Amino acid sequence: MSVRYFETYDCGQVGRSLEKLHEDVVRFKGRIEITRNGCDDCCILISKAELDSLEQALAILSDTDGVKQMSGQIAQLAASIAAPAGV
């Protein structure tokens, strides 16, 4: 089975190739959507590193004071870059 990242696979395909899918998802930070015939539910296989990054991003975005501070810092940086030298 040739693995494509950000693709959908049926449980039967995943069961036969789980070790290979695990190796490739961890190595290439891919995401595999896993479905099952006769069921509308699905799950996603992602690497632990990608999950940690997503959770960190959510934590940052959910901290409104942190977002305001970060936005202010970005605005100051952008203003300092846009200002002519020596002004």
Protein backbone atom coordinates (compact mmCIF):
# COMPACT_ATOMS: atom_id res chain seq x y z
CA MET A 1 0.00 0.00 0.00
CA SER A 2 1.46 3.33 -1.04
CA VAL A 3 0.80 5.94 1.65
CA ARG A 4 -0.47 9.37 0.71
CA TYR A 5 -0.61 11.97 3.41
CA PHE A 6 -3.84 13.79 4.21
CA GLU A 7 -5.78 10.92 2.66
CA THR A 8 -8.68 8.71 3.72
CA TYR A 9 -8.32 4.98 4.29
CA ASP A 10 -10.82 2.31 5.26
CA CYS A 11 -10.28 0.38 8.52
CA GLY A 12 -9.46 -2.74 6.53
CA GLN A 13 -6.64 -0.97 4.70
CA VAL A 14 -5.29 0.53 7.92
CA GLY A 15 -5.39 -2.77 9.80
CA ARG A 16 -3.18 -4.43 7.22
CA SER A 17 -0.71 -1.53 7.09
CA LEU A 18 -0.79 0.11 10.54
CA GLU A 19 2.92 -0.24 11.20
CA LYS A 20 3.81 1.39 7.85
CA LEU A 21 1.21 4.14 8.32
CA HIS A 22 2.54 4.84 11.83
CA GLU A 23 6.11 5.10 10.55
CA ASP A 24 5.18 7.41 7.68
CA VAL A 25 2.85 9.67 9.69
CA VAL A 26 5.51 10.16 12.36
CA ARG A 27 8.26 10.78 9.80
CA PHE A 28 6.38 13.08 7.43
CA LYS A 29 3.85 14.69 9.82
CA GLY A 30 1.00 13.41 7.65
CA ARG A 31 -2.59 12.87 8.63
CA ILE A 32 -4.62 9.82 7.78
CA GLU A 33 -8.42 9.87 8.04
CA ILE A 34 -9.74 6.43 8.96
CA THR A 35 -13.29 5.52 7.98
CA ARG A 36 -15.43 2.41 8.25
CA ASN A 37 -18.08 1.11 5.86
CA GLY A 38 -21.59 1.75 7.13
CA CYS A 39 -20.46 4.34 9.68
CA ASP A 40 -20.37 8.13 9.38
CA ASP A 41 -17.81 8.53 12.16
CA CYS A 42 -14.10 8.73 11.41
CA CYS A 43 -10.86 9.31 13.26
CA ILE A 44 -7.51 10.85 12.35
CA LEU A 45 -4.06 9.32 12.76
CA ILE A 46 -1.51 12.08 13.42
CA SER A 47 1.92 12.16 15.05
CA LYS A 48 2.33 13.02 18.72
CA ALA A 49 4.54 15.96 17.70
CA GLU A 50 1.77 17.36 15.49
CA LEU A 51 -0.81 16.89 18.24
CA ASP A 52 1.46 18.71 20.70
CA SER A 53 1.87 21.59 18.22
CA LEU A 54 -1.88 21.84 17.67
CA GLU A 55 -2.57 21.81 21.40
CA GLN A 56 0.06 24.51 21.97
CA ALA A 57 -1.48 26.66 19.23
CA LEU A 58 -4.93 26.24 20.78
CA ALA A 59 -3.58 27.19 24.20
CA ILE A 60 -2.02 30.35 22.77
CA LEU A 61 -5.14 31.30 20.83
CA SER A 62 -7.42 30.65 23.78
CA ASP A 63 -5.39 32.93 26.06
CA THR A 64 -6.93 36.27 25.07
CA ASP A 65 -4.46 38.34 27.10
CA GLY A 66 -1.58 36.45 25.50
CA VAL A 67 -3.04 37.00 22.04
CA LYS A 68 -3.43 40.73 22.70
CA GLN A 69 0.16 40.94 23.93
CA MET A 70 1.47 38.97 20.95
CA SER A 71 -0.55 41.13 18.54
CA GLY A 72 0.88 44.27 20.14
CA GLN A 73 4.42 42.93 19.82
CA ILE A 74 3.87 42.04 16.16
CA ALA A 75 2.43 45.50 15.48
CA GLN A 76 5.44 47.16 17.15
CA LEU A 77 7.84 45.02 15.16
CA ALA A 78 6.03 45.80 11.91
CA ALA A 79 6.06 49.53 12.71
CA SER A 80 9.78 49.50 13.48
CA ILE A 81 10.56 47.71 10.22
CA ALA A 82 8.36 50.07 8.19
CA ALA A 83 9.88 53.24 9.75
CA PRO A 84 12.58 54.92 7.60
CA ALA A 85 16.11 54.62 8.99
CA GLY A 86 17.25 57.53 11.15
CA VAL A 87 13.75 58.85 11.83
